[in-house]
Amino acid sequence: MLVPLTAPSRRSRRLGSSLGLAFMLVGVWAGLLTAQTQTSIGIIGGVNSYDWQGDSQLGTVGSAEYTAKIAGMLGGALGLRFAEQWGARVEAQYDHNRTLITASDELVELSYIRVPVTGQFWLRFSPEHDNYLMISAGPSVGFNIGCTVADVSCDAVPTGDLIAPSLTDVSLLGTIGVAAGPALFELRYNLGPRNLNRIVNGPELKTREYMIVFSYYFTLKRGGGWF
């Protein structure tokens, strides 16, 4: 089972600092957007399938120790188009993840505030239609705001076990999507390249998340305002 990494008070302080940095980055991004020619904001929602992969102490290789479960995500985005084919996007999203520890049949539920920052390439299908193929990639930083094992808070789980997920999760996000006007449908893959487990002698936990995401965007005028 998972165990708390730190006492709740220290966990809260670290989480507050992480969230403060995230909101500061979003604020800087918003300030830069005022000087650009085309910006948009969007509402994002979707489903995900999340699990861990890596070597365990029992010698199991891959994701056989953990079974992916379905959960959901919801958030918002700020988009910037440098030109017709190039753009960038920053998101702030609530991401709920679920995975099953197969050996003990215990369901782990993790909640994150994630801030992905991605570059985008847009390919228009035809000059007559406002339909695009979109490919994007970039880093995503996740801040853990909740953790339960078998419906019990990780802070209440007895110590002495081998797994304790860190408060931050840095991953690489890649997406491919199709846009029809202001609507965008995406398939996303989010891979955590570093070990999420903070227990030195515990199993290696690298995150893997598949997502189906739908979003709808509203274009902003230059310097603000809606149309």
C-alpha atoms as a PDB file:
ATOM      1  CA  MET A   1       0.000   0.000   0.000  1.00  0.00           C
ATOM      2  CA  LEU A   2       0.992   3.632  -0.335  1.00  0.00           C
ATOM      3  CA  VAL A   3       2.251   5.554   2.663  1.00  0.00           C
ATOM      4  CA  PRO A   4       2.485   9.324   3.315  1.00  0.00           C
ATOM      5  CA  LEU A   5       5.748  10.877   2.277  1.00  0.00           C
ATOM      6  CA  THR A   6       5.635  13.628   4.885  1.00  0.00           C
ATOM      7  CA  ALA A   7       3.497  14.886   7.711  1.00  0.00           C
ATOM      8  CA  PRO A   8       0.321  16.648   6.539  1.00  0.00           C
ATOM      9  CA  SER A   9       1.554  20.116   7.551  1.00  0.00           C
ATOM     10  CA  ARG A  10       4.769  19.801   5.562  1.00  0.00           C
ATOM     11  CA  ARG A  11       2.854  18.283   2.656  1.00  0.00           C
ATOM     12  CA  SER A  12       0.491  21.289   2.659  1.00  0.00           C
ATOM     13  CA  ARG A  13       3.372  23.780   2.673  1.00  0.00           C
ATOM     14  CA  ARG A  14       5.111  22.093  -0.249  1.00  0.00           C
ATOM     15  CA  LEU A  15       1.868  21.793  -2.177  1.00  0.00           C
ATOM     16  CA  GLY A  16       1.114  25.489  -1.585  1.00  0.00           C
ATOM     17  CA  SER A  17       4.527  26.482  -2.919  1.00  0.00           C
ATOM     18  CA  SER A  18       4.111  24.271  -5.996  1.00  0.00           C
ATOM     19  CA  LEU A  19       0.653  25.633  -6.783  1.00  0.00           C
ATOM     20  CA  GLY A  20       1.919  29.188  -6.276  1.00  0.00           C
ATOM     21  CA  LEU A  21       4.644  28.603  -8.866  1.00  0.00           C
ATOM     22  CA  ALA A  22       2.100  27.111 -11.286  1.00  0.00           C
ATOM     23  CA  PHE A  23      -0.242  30.093 -11.007  1.00  0.00           C
ATOM     24  CA  MET A  24       2.706  32.485 -11.401  1.00  0.00           C
ATOM     25  CA  LEU A  25       3.699  30.773 -14.660  1.00  0.00           C
ATOM     26  CA  VAL A  26       0.126  30.992 -15.921  1.00  0.00           C
ATOM     27  CA  GLY A  27       0.073  34.700 -15.034  1.00  0.00           C
ATOM     28  CA  VAL A  28       3.309  35.355 -16.931  1.00  0.00           C
ATOM     29  CA  TRP A  29       1.916  33.487 -19.937  1.00  0.00           C
ATOM     30  CA  ALA A  30      -1.300  35.548 -19.815  1.00  0.00           C
ATOM     31  CA  GLY A  31       0.746  38.747 -19.751  1.00  0.00           C
ATOM     32  CA  LEU A  32       2.710  37.713 -22.826  1.00  0.00           C
ATOM     33  CA  LEU A  33      -0.486  36.941 -24.704  1.00  0.00           C
ATOM     34  CA  THR A  34      -1.627  40.575 -24.643  1.00  0.00           C
ATOM     35  CA  ALA A  35       1.089  41.448 -27.171  1.00  0.00           C
ATOM     36  CA  GLN A  36       0.136  38.676 -29.614  1.00  0.00           C
ATOM     37  CA  THR A  37      -2.280  38.806 -32.542  1.00  0.00           C
ATOM     38  CA  GLN A  38      -4.405  35.713 -31.912  1.00  0.00           C
ATOM     39  CA  THR A  39      -5.217  34.104 -28.587  1.00  0.00           C
ATOM     40  CA  SER A  40      -7.963  31.823 -27.338  1.00  0.00           C
ATOM     41  CA  ILE A  41      -9.231  30.230 -24.172  1.00  0.00           C
ATOM     42  CA  GLY A  42     -10.729  26.771 -24.016  1.00  0.00           C
ATOM     43  CA  ILE A  43     -12.682  24.363 -21.836  1.00  0.00           C
ATOM     44  CA  ILE A  44     -11.236  20.844 -21.712  1.00  0.00           C
ATOM     45  CA  GLY A  45     -12.712  17.546 -20.553  1.00  0.00           C
ATOM     46  CA  GLY A  46     -12.020  13.874 -21.092  1.00  0.00           C
ATOM     47  CA  VAL A  47     -11.306  10.392 -19.791  1.00  0.00           C
ATOM     48  CA  ASN A  48      -7.999   8.744 -18.974  1.00  0.00           C
ATOM     49  CA  SER A  49      -6.487   5.320 -18.390  1.00  0.00           C
ATOM     50  CA  TYR A  50      -3.609   5.472 -15.891  1.00  0.00           C
ATOM     51  CA  ASP A  51      -1.119   2.986 -14.496  1.00  0.00           C
ATOM     52  CA  TRP A  52       2.476   2.536 -13.358  1.00  0.00           C
ATOM     53  CA  GLN A  53       5.197   0.604 -15.116  1.00  0.00           C
ATOM     54  CA  GLY A  54       8.720  -0.437 -14.154  1.00  0.00           C
ATOM     55  CA  ASP A  55      10.706  -3.095 -12.282  1.00  0.00           C
ATOM     56  CA  SER A  56       9.328  -4.243  -8.939  1.00  0.00           C
ATOM     57  CA  GLN A  57      11.134  -5.842  -6.016  1.00  0.00           C
ATOM     58  CA  LEU A  58       9.399  -9.123  -6.888  1.00  0.00           C
ATOM     59  CA  GLY A  59      11.155  -9.170 -10.250  1.00  0.00           C
ATOM     60  CA  THR A  60       8.088  -8.398 -12.350  1.00  0.00           C
ATOM     61  CA  VAL A  61       8.979  -6.303 -15.391  1.00  0.00           C
ATOM     62  CA  GLY A  62       6.534  -3.943 -17.103  1.00  0.00           C
ATOM     63  CA  SER A  63       3.041  -3.116 -15.903  1.00  0.00           C
ATOM     64  CA  ALA A  64       1.979  -6.609 -14.745  1.00  0.00           C
ATOM     65  CA  GLU A  65       2.021  -5.446 -11.092  1.00  0.00           C
ATOM     66  CA  TYR A  66      -0.482  -2.680 -11.813  1.00  0.00           C
ATOM     67  CA  THR A  67      -3.748  -2.576 -13.783  1.00  0.00           C
ATOM     68  CA  ALA A  68      -4.938   0.626 -15.470  1.00  0.00           C
ATOM     69  CA  LYS A  69      -8.364   2.003 -14.539  1.00  0.00           C
ATOM     70  CA  ILE A  70     -10.595   4.609 -16.159  1.00  0.00           C
ATOM     71  CA  ALA A  71     -11.022   8.083 -14.619  1.00  0.00           C
ATOM     72  CA  GLY A  72     -11.485  11.664 -15.851  1.00  0.00           C
ATOM     73  CA  MET A  73     -10.024  15.135 -16.213  1.00  0.00           C
ATOM     74  CA  LEU A  74     -11.388  18.681 -16.529  1.00  0.00           C
ATOM     75  CA  GLY A  75      -9.724  22.038 -17.017  1.00  0.00           C
ATOM     76  CA  GLY A  76      -9.053  25.117 -19.092  1.00  0.00           C
ATOM     77  CA  ALA A  77      -6.456  26.295 -21.594  1.00  0.00           C
ATOM     78  CA  LEU A  78      -4.832  29.410 -23.012  1.00  0.00           C
ATOM     79  CA  GLY A  79      -3.790  29.126 -26.650  1.00  0.00           C
ATOM     80  CA  LEU A  80      -1.496  31.233 -28.839  1.00  0.00           C
ATOM     81  CA  ARG A  81      -1.204  31.107 -32.631  1.00  0.00           C
ATOM     82  CA  PHE A  82       2.063  32.514 -33.971  1.00  0.00           C
ATOM     83  CA  ALA A  83       1.018  31.726 -37.555  1.00  0.00           C
ATOM     84  CA  GLU A  84      -1.470  29.457 -39.283  1.00  0.00           C
ATOM     85  CA  GLN A  85       0.748  26.392 -38.764  1.00  0.00           C
ATOM     86  CA  TRP A  86       2.470  27.126 -35.443  1.00  0.00           C
ATOM     87  CA  GLY A  87       1.157  27.702 -31.955  1.00  0.00           C
ATOM     88  CA  ALA A  88       1.494  26.946 -28.250  1.00  0.00           C
ATOM     89  CA  ARG A  89      -0.825  26.127 -25.377  1.00  0.00           C
ATOM     90  CA  VAL A  90      -0.748  26.119 -21.572  1.00  0.00           C
ATOM     91  CA  GLU A  91      -3.382  24.268 -19.542  1.00  0.00           C
ATOM     92  CA  ALA A  92      -4.499  24.058 -15.937  1.00  0.00           C
ATOM     93  CA  GLN A  93      -6.420  20.861 -15.313  1.00  0.00           C
ATOM     94  CA  TYR A  94      -7.760  18.653 -12.565  1.00  0.00           C
ATOM     95  CA  ASP A  95      -6.689  15.094 -13.375  1.00  0.00           C
ATOM     96  CA  HIS A  96      -8.048  12.129 -11.410  1.00  0.00           C
ATOM     97  CA  ASN A  97      -6.045   8.895 -11.816  1.00  0.00           C
ATOM     98  CA  ARG A  98      -6.890   5.329 -10.756  1.00  0.00           C
ATOM     99  CA  THR A  99      -4.733   2.211 -10.853  1.00  0.00           C
ATOM    100  CA  LEU A 100      -5.039  -1.223  -9.243  1.00  0.00           C
ATOM    101  CA  ILE A 101      -2.193  -2.895  -7.338  1.00  0.00           C
ATOM    102  CA  THR A 102      -2.753  -6.365  -8.807  1.00  0.00           C
ATOM    103  CA  ALA A 103      -1.084  -8.472  -6.133  1.00  0.00           C
ATOM    104  CA  SER A 104      -3.087  -6.986  -3.229  1.00  0.00           C
ATOM    105  CA  ASP A 105      -6.213  -6.014  -5.230  1.00  0.00           C
ATOM    106  CA  GLU A 106      -6.067  -2.481  -3.776  1.00  0.00           C
ATOM    107  CA  LEU A 107      -7.323   0.495  -5.784  1.00  0.00           C
ATOM    108  CA  VAL A 108      -5.051   3.564  -5.691  1.00  0.00           C
ATOM    109  CA  GLU A 109      -6.642   6.928  -6.511  1.00  0.00           C
ATOM    110  CA  LEU A 110      -4.467   9.993  -7.105  1.00  0.00           C
ATOM    111  CA  SER A 111      -5.666  13.535  -7.803  1.00  0.00           C
ATOM    112  CA  TYR A 112      -3.431  16.091  -9.515  1.00  0.00           C
ATOM    113  CA  ILE A 113      -3.452  19.679 -10.656  1.00  0.00           C
ATOM    114  CA  ARG A 114      -1.526  19.418 -13.925  1.00  0.00           C
ATOM    115  CA  VAL A 115       0.034  22.256 -15.939  1.00  0.00           C
ATOM    116  CA  PRO A 116       1.045  21.076 -19.438  1.00  0.00           C
ATOM    117  CA  VAL A 117       2.899  23.488 -21.748  1.00  0.00           C
ATOM    118  CA  THR A 118       3.000  22.305 -25.360  1.00  0.00           C
ATOM    119  CA  GLY A 119       4.092  23.509 -28.771  1.00  0.00           C
ATOM    120  CA  GLN A 120       1.644  22.892 -31.627  1.00  0.00           C
ATOM    121  CA  PHE A 121       1.829  22.211 -35.349  1.00  0.00           C
ATOM    122  CA  TRP A 122      -1.380  22.776 -37.357  1.00  0.00           C
ATOM    123  CA  LEU A 123      -2.010  21.342 -40.823  1.00  0.00           C
ATOM    124  CA  ARG A 124      -5.088  22.615 -42.657  1.00  0.00           C
ATOM    125  CA  PHE A 125      -7.066  19.983 -44.567  1.00  0.00           C
ATOM    126  CA  SER A 126      -8.128  22.337 -47.359  1.00  0.00           C
ATOM    127  CA  PRO A 127      -8.212  26.117 -48.072  1.00  0.00           C
ATOM    128  CA  GLU A 128     -12.015  26.086 -48.178  1.00  0.00           C
ATOM    129  CA  HIS A 129     -12.635  24.580 -44.737  1.00  0.00           C
ATOM    130  CA  ASP A 130     -11.622  25.571 -41.187  1.00  0.00           C
ATOM    131  CA  ASN A 131     -10.541  22.014 -40.327  1.00  0.00           C
ATOM    132  CA  TYR A 132      -7.070  21.145 -39.080  1.00  0.00           C
ATOM    133  CA  LEU A 133      -4.878  18.270 -38.010  1.00  0.00           C
ATOM    134  CA  MET A 134      -2.985  19.229 -34.824  1.00  0.00           C
ATOM    135  CA  ILE A 135       0.156  17.622 -33.378  1.00  0.00           C
ATOM    136  CA  SER A 136       1.622  18.885 -30.098  1.00  0.00           C
ATOM    137  CA  ALA A 137       4.225  17.931 -27.512  1.00  0.00           C
ATOM    138  CA  GLY A 138       5.770  19.331 -24.353  1.00  0.00           C
ATOM    139  CA  PRO A 139       6.325  18.906 -20.609  1.00  0.00           C
ATOM    140  CA  SER A 140       3.565  18.523 -18.027  1.00  0.00           C
ATOM    141  CA  VAL A 141       4.018  19.205 -14.308  1.00  0.00           C
ATOM    142  CA  GLY A 142       1.584  17.578 -11.887  1.00  0.00           C
ATOM    143  CA  PHE A 143       0.998  18.594  -8.243  1.00  0.00           C
ATOM    144  CA  ASN A 144      -0.534  15.853  -6.100  1.00  0.00           C
ATOM    145  CA  ILE A 145      -3.560  17.084  -4.095  1.00  0.00           C
ATOM    146  CA  GLY A 146      -5.085  13.759  -3.052  1.00  0.00           C
ATOM    147  CA  CYS A 147      -4.170  10.120  -2.492  1.00  0.00           C
ATOM    148  CA  THR A 148      -6.203   7.137  -1.253  1.00  0.00           C
ATOM    149  CA  VAL A 149      -5.649   3.403  -1.120  1.00  0.00           C
ATOM    150  CA  ALA A 150      -8.774   1.228  -0.893  1.00  0.00           C
ATOM    151  CA  ASP A 151     -10.756   4.397   0.023  1.00  0.00           C
ATOM    152  CA  VAL A 152      -8.394   5.195   2.921  1.00  0.00           C
ATOM    153  CA  SER A 153      -6.319   8.376   2.874  1.00  0.00           C
ATOM    154  CA  CYS A 154      -2.616   7.762   2.283  1.00  0.00           C
ATOM    155  CA  ASP A 155      -1.932   9.844   5.406  1.00  0.00           C
ATOM    156  CA  ALA A 156      -3.812   7.194   7.439  1.00  0.00           C
ATOM    157  CA  VAL A 157      -2.060   4.158   5.961  1.00  0.00           C
ATOM    158  CA  PRO A 158       0.391   2.510   8.416  1.00  0.00           C
ATOM    159  CA  THR A 159       4.071   3.154   7.714  1.00  0.00           C
ATOM    160  CA  GLY A 160       6.559   0.480   6.742  1.00  0.00           C
ATOM    161  CA  ASP A 161       5.380  -0.271   3.211  1.00  0.00           C
ATOM    162  CA  LEU A 162       7.296   0.272  -0.001  1.00  0.00           C
ATOM    163  CA  ILE A 163       5.401   2.856  -2.028  1.00  0.00           C
ATOM    164  CA  ALA A 164       5.053   6.605  -1.459  1.00  0.00           C
ATOM    165  CA  PRO A 165       4.327   8.765  -4.534  1.00  0.00           C
ATOM    166  CA  SER A 166       6.056  12.145  -4.613  1.00  0.00           C
ATOM    167  CA  LEU A 167       4.134  15.410  -4.416  1.00  0.00           C
ATOM    168  CA  THR A 168       5.189  16.429  -7.949  1.00  0.00           C
ATOM    169  CA  ASP A 169       5.131  14.442 -11.178  1.00  0.00           C
ATOM    170  CA  VAL A 170       6.988  15.673 -14.275  1.00  0.00           C
ATOM    171  CA  SER A 171       5.976  13.953 -17.503  1.00  0.00           C
ATOM    172  CA  LEU A 172       6.136  14.277 -21.294  1.00  0.00           C
ATOM    173  CA  LEU A 173       2.849  14.872 -23.114  1.00  0.00           C
ATOM    174  CA  GLY A 174       2.247  14.112 -26.797  1.00  0.00           C
ATOM    175  CA  THR A 175      -1.071  14.624 -28.602  1.00  0.00           C
ATOM    176  CA  ILE A 176      -2.670  14.287 -32.010  1.00  0.00           C
ATOM    177  CA  GLY A 177      -6.012  15.905 -32.695  1.00  0.00           C
ATOM    178  CA  VAL A 178      -8.545  17.044 -35.274  1.00  0.00           C
ATOM    179  CA  ALA A 179     -10.089  20.521 -35.111  1.00  0.00           C
ATOM    180  CA  ALA A 180     -13.376  21.550 -36.715  1.00  0.00           C
ATOM    181  CA  GLY A 181     -13.763  25.271 -36.157  1.00  0.00           C
ATOM    182  CA  PRO A 182     -13.573  25.959 -32.384  1.00  0.00           C
ATOM    183  CA  ALA A 183     -13.941  22.279 -31.402  1.00  0.00           C
ATOM    184  CA  LEU A 184     -10.909  20.020 -30.930  1.00  0.00           C
ATOM    185  CA  PHE A 185     -10.812  16.238 -30.416  1.00  0.00           C
ATOM    186  CA  GLU A 186      -7.498  14.773 -29.189  1.00  0.00           C
ATOM    187  CA  LEU A 187      -5.774  11.507 -28.357  1.00  0.00           C
ATOM    188  CA  ARG A 188      -3.066  12.066 -25.733  1.00  0.00           C
ATOM    189  CA  TYR A 189      -0.217  10.029 -24.284  1.00  0.00           C
ATOM    190  CA  ASN A 190       1.448  11.200 -21.053  1.00  0.00           C
ATOM    191  CA  LEU A 191       4.656   9.403 -20.023  1.00  0.00           C
ATOM    192  CA  GLY A 192       6.552   9.956 -16.774  1.00  0.00           C
ATOM    193  CA  PRO A 193      10.270   9.312 -17.477  1.00  0.00           C
ATOM    194  CA  ARG A 194      11.410   9.488 -13.830  1.00  0.00           C
ATOM    195  CA  ASN A 195      10.701   7.259 -10.848  1.00  0.00           C
ATOM    196  CA  LEU A 196       7.650   8.574  -8.986  1.00  0.00           C
ATOM    197  CA  ASN A 197       8.337   6.472  -5.884  1.00  0.00           C
ATOM    198  CA  ARG A 198      10.243   8.264  -3.114  1.00  0.00           C
ATOM    199  CA  ILE A 199      11.015   5.078  -1.133  1.00  0.00           C
ATOM    200  CA  VAL A 200      14.690   4.268  -1.828  1.00  0.00           C
ATOM    201  CA  ASN A 201      14.338   0.482  -1.765  1.00  0.00           C
ATOM    202  CA  GLY A 202      10.797   0.372  -3.111  1.00  0.00           C
ATOM    203  CA  PRO A 203       9.605  -0.638  -6.582  1.00  0.00           C
ATOM    204  CA  GLU A 204      10.240   1.710  -9.481  1.00  0.00           C
ATOM    205  CA  LEU A 205       7.059   3.547 -10.512  1.00  0.00           C
ATOM    206  CA  LYS A 206       6.946   5.338 -13.857  1.00  0.00           C
ATOM    207  CA  THR A 207       3.589   6.763 -14.863  1.00  0.00           C
ATOM    208  CA  ARG A 208       1.752   6.093 -18.109  1.00  0.00           C
ATOM    209  CA  GLU A 209      -1.534   7.745 -19.063  1.00  0.00           C
ATOM    210  CA  TYR A 210      -3.720   7.531 -22.166  1.00  0.00           C
ATOM    211  CA  MET A 211      -6.378  10.224 -22.656  1.00  0.00           C
ATOM    212  CA  ILE A 212      -9.319  10.976 -24.929  1.00  0.00           C
ATOM    213  CA  VAL A 213      -9.973  14.717 -24.711  1.00  0.00           C
ATOM    214  CA  PHE A 214     -12.546  17.103 -26.170  1.00  0.00           C
ATOM    215  CA  SER A 215     -12.159  20.891 -25.960  1.00  0.00           C
ATOM    216  CA  TYR A 216     -13.969  23.970 -27.199  1.00  0.00           C
ATOM    217  CA  TYR A 217     -12.212  27.321 -27.748  1.00  0.00           C
ATOM    218  CA  PHE A 218     -13.287  30.944 -27.724  1.00  0.00           C
ATOM    219  CA  THR A 219     -11.116  33.387 -29.685  1.00  0.00           C
ATOM    220  CA  LEU A 220      -9.990  36.650 -28.065  1.00  0.00           C
ATOM    221  CA  LYS A 221      -9.494  39.942 -29.839  1.00  0.00           C
ATOM    222  CA  ARG A 222      -6.099  41.611 -29.783  1.00  0.00           C
ATOM    223  CA  GLY A 223      -5.583  43.259 -26.412  1.00  0.00           C
ATOM    224  CA  GLY A 224      -8.605  41.507 -24.880  1.00  0.00           C
ATOM    225  CA  GLY A 225     -12.345  41.443 -25.416  1.00  0.00           C
ATOM    226  CA  TRP A 226     -14.637  38.815 -26.882  1.00  0.00           C
ATOM    227  CA  PHE A 227     -16.166  38.265 -30.276  1.00  0.00           C
END
